[in-house]
């Protein structure tokens, strides 16, 4: 990764340039056949527990 170095009164500081991904690149890395994590299944399949409007 490219690194920029800046100097100032407090010394030198490095900032790393992070890679920016497009939505298409992120979706391409997803496995649609992977099982959902337990916490996601509890959220989508669970019963209402409060004042949710359905």
N, C-alpha and C. Protein backbone atom coordinates (compact mmCIF):
# COMPACT_ATOMS: atom_id res chain seq x y z
N UNK A 1 0.84 -1.18 0.00
CA UNK A 1 0.00 0.00 0.00
C UNK A 1 0.88 1.24 0.00
N UNK A 2 0.50 2.24 -0.75
CA UNK A 2 1.26 3.48 -0.74
C UNK A 2 1.17 4.17 0.63
N UNK A 3 2.27 4.79 1.04
CA UNK A 3 2.30 5.49 2.32
C UNK A 3 2.76 6.92 2.07
N UNK A 4 2.05 7.88 2.64
CA UNK A 4 2.45 9.29 2.59
C UNK A 4 3.04 9.66 3.94
N UNK A 5 4.14 10.39 3.93
CA UNK A 5 4.75 10.86 5.17
C UNK A 5 4.60 12.37 5.24
N UNK A 6 4.10 12.84 6.38
CA UNK A 6 3.94 14.27 6.60
C UNK A 6 4.76 14.65 7.82
N UNK A 7 5.37 15.81 7.80
CA UNK A 7 6.10 16.29 8.96
C UNK A 7 5.45 17.56 9.47
N UNK A 8 5.54 17.74 10.76
CA UNK A 8 4.96 18.93 11.38
C UNK A 8 5.66 19.20 12.69
N UNK A 9 5.02 20.00 13.53
CA UNK A 9 5.62 20.37 14.82
C UNK A 9 5.81 19.16 15.73
N UNK A 10 4.93 18.19 15.63
CA UNK A 10 5.00 17.02 16.51
C UNK A 10 5.86 15.90 15.96
N UNK A 11 6.50 16.07 14.83
CA UNK A 11 7.33 15.02 14.24
C UNK A 11 6.73 14.55 12.93
N UNK A 12 7.04 13.31 12.59
CA UNK A 12 6.58 12.74 11.33
C UNK A 12 5.37 11.84 11.57
N UNK A 13 4.46 11.83 10.64
CA UNK A 13 3.29 10.96 10.71
C UNK A 13 3.09 10.32 9.35
N UNK A 14 2.75 9.05 9.36
CA UNK A 14 2.50 8.34 8.11
C UNK A 14 1.02 8.05 7.99
N UNK A 15 0.48 8.26 6.82
CA UNK A 15 -0.91 7.89 6.56
C UNK A 15 -0.93 6.90 5.41
N UNK A 16 -1.61 5.80 5.62
CA UNK A 16 -1.69 4.73 4.63
C UNK A 16 -2.89 4.99 3.73
N UNK A 17 -2.68 4.92 2.44
CA UNK A 17 -3.78 5.06 1.48
C UNK A 17 -4.52 3.73 1.42
N UNK A 18 -5.77 3.73 1.83
CA UNK A 18 -6.55 2.50 1.82
C UNK A 18 -7.18 2.27 0.46
N UNK A 19 -7.28 1.00 0.11
CA UNK A 19 -7.93 0.61 -1.14
C UNK A 19 -9.42 0.87 -1.00
N UNK A 20 -10.03 1.44 -2.02
CA UNK A 20 -11.48 1.65 -2.04
C UNK A 20 -12.09 0.64 -3.00
N UNK A 21 -13.05 -0.10 -2.52
CA UNK A 21 -13.70 -1.13 -3.32
C UNK A 21 -15.02 -0.61 -3.87
N UNK A 22 -15.38 -1.09 -5.05
CA UNK A 22 -16.69 -0.78 -5.61
C UNK A 22 -17.69 -1.80 -5.08
N UNK A 23 -18.96 -1.49 -5.16
CA UNK A 23 -19.98 -2.43 -4.73
C UNK A 23 -19.89 -3.72 -5.51
N UNK A 24 -19.64 -3.63 -6.81
CA UNK A 24 -19.52 -4.84 -7.64
C UNK A 24 -18.37 -5.72 -7.18
N UNK A 25 -17.24 -5.12 -6.78
CA UNK A 25 -16.10 -5.91 -6.30
C UNK A 25 -16.44 -6.62 -5.00
N UNK A 26 -17.14 -5.94 -4.10
CA UNK A 26 -17.51 -6.56 -2.83
C UNK A 26 -18.52 -7.68 -3.03
N UNK A 27 -19.51 -7.47 -3.88
CA UNK A 27 -20.51 -8.50 -4.14
C UNK A 27 -19.87 -9.71 -4.79
N UNK A 28 -18.89 -9.49 -5.66
CA UNK A 28 -18.21 -10.61 -6.33
C UNK A 28 -17.49 -11.50 -5.34
N UNK A 29 -17.10 -10.97 -4.17
CA UNK A 29 -16.40 -11.76 -3.16
C UNK A 29 -17.36 -12.53 -2.25
N UNK A 30 -18.66 -12.26 -2.35
CA UNK A 30 -19.64 -12.90 -1.48
C UNK A 30 -19.98 -14.30 -1.97
N UNK A 31 -20.27 -15.18 -1.02
CA UNK A 31 -20.70 -16.53 -1.34
C UNK A 31 -22.19 -16.63 -1.01
N UNK A 32 -23.06 -16.58 -2.02
CA UNK A 32 -24.50 -16.60 -1.74
C UNK A 32 -24.99 -17.92 -1.15
N UNK A 33 -24.17 -18.97 -1.21
CA UNK A 33 -24.58 -20.26 -0.65
C UNK A 33 -24.12 -20.43 0.80
N UNK A 34 -23.36 -19.47 1.32
CA UNK A 34 -22.87 -19.56 2.70
C UNK A 34 -24.05 -19.40 3.66
N UNK A 35 -24.05 -20.17 4.75
CA UNK A 35 -25.14 -20.03 5.72
C UNK A 35 -25.04 -18.68 6.44
N UNK A 36 -26.19 -18.15 6.80
CA UNK A 36 -26.23 -16.88 7.53
C UNK A 36 -25.70 -17.10 8.94
N UNK A 37 -24.99 -16.13 9.50
CA UNK A 37 -24.56 -16.24 10.89
C UNK A 37 -25.77 -16.35 11.82
N UNK A 38 -25.58 -16.99 12.96
CA UNK A 38 -26.66 -17.21 13.92
C UNK A 38 -27.36 -15.90 14.31
N UNK A 39 -26.59 -14.86 14.55
CA UNK A 39 -27.19 -13.58 14.97
C UNK A 39 -28.10 -13.01 13.89
N UNK A 40 -27.75 -13.21 12.63
CA UNK A 40 -28.60 -12.72 11.54
C UNK A 40 -29.89 -13.53 11.46
N UNK A 41 -29.79 -14.83 11.66
CA UNK A 41 -30.99 -15.66 11.62
C UNK A 41 -31.92 -15.32 12.78
N UNK A 42 -31.36 -15.05 13.95
CA UNK A 42 -32.20 -14.65 15.08
C UNK A 42 -32.94 -13.35 14.78
N UNK A 43 -32.28 -12.45 14.09
CA UNK A 43 -32.88 -11.14 13.75
C UNK A 43 -34.01 -11.30 12.74
N UNK A 44 -33.79 -12.12 11.70
CA UNK A 44 -34.78 -12.22 10.63
C UNK A 44 -35.87 -13.24 10.90
N UNK A 45 -35.58 -14.25 11.72
CA UNK A 45 -36.56 -15.31 11.95
C UNK A 45 -37.18 -15.27 13.34
N UNK A 46 -36.70 -14.37 14.20
CA UNK A 46 -37.17 -14.33 15.58
C UNK A 46 -38.54 -13.69 15.72
N UNK A 47 -39.09 -13.87 16.89
CA UNK A 47 -40.39 -13.29 17.22
C UNK A 47 -40.20 -11.86 17.73
N UNK A 48 -41.22 -11.00 17.59
CA UNK A 48 -41.13 -9.66 18.15
C UNK A 48 -40.94 -9.74 19.67
N UNK A 49 -40.16 -8.82 20.23
CA UNK A 49 -39.89 -8.86 21.67
C UNK A 49 -40.27 -7.56 22.37
N UNK A 50 -40.80 -6.60 21.64
CA UNK A 50 -41.12 -5.31 22.25
C UNK A 50 -42.26 -4.64 21.53
N UNK A 51 -42.07 -3.40 21.17
CA UNK A 51 -43.12 -2.61 20.52
C UNK A 51 -42.91 -2.48 19.03
N UNK A 52 -42.35 -3.52 18.40
CA UNK A 52 -42.12 -3.46 16.95
C UNK A 52 -43.45 -3.34 16.21
N UNK A 53 -43.46 -2.58 15.15
CA UNK A 53 -44.63 -2.45 14.31
C UNK A 53 -44.44 -3.39 13.14
N UNK A 54 -45.38 -4.29 12.96
CA UNK A 54 -45.26 -5.27 11.87
C UNK A 54 -46.18 -4.93 10.74
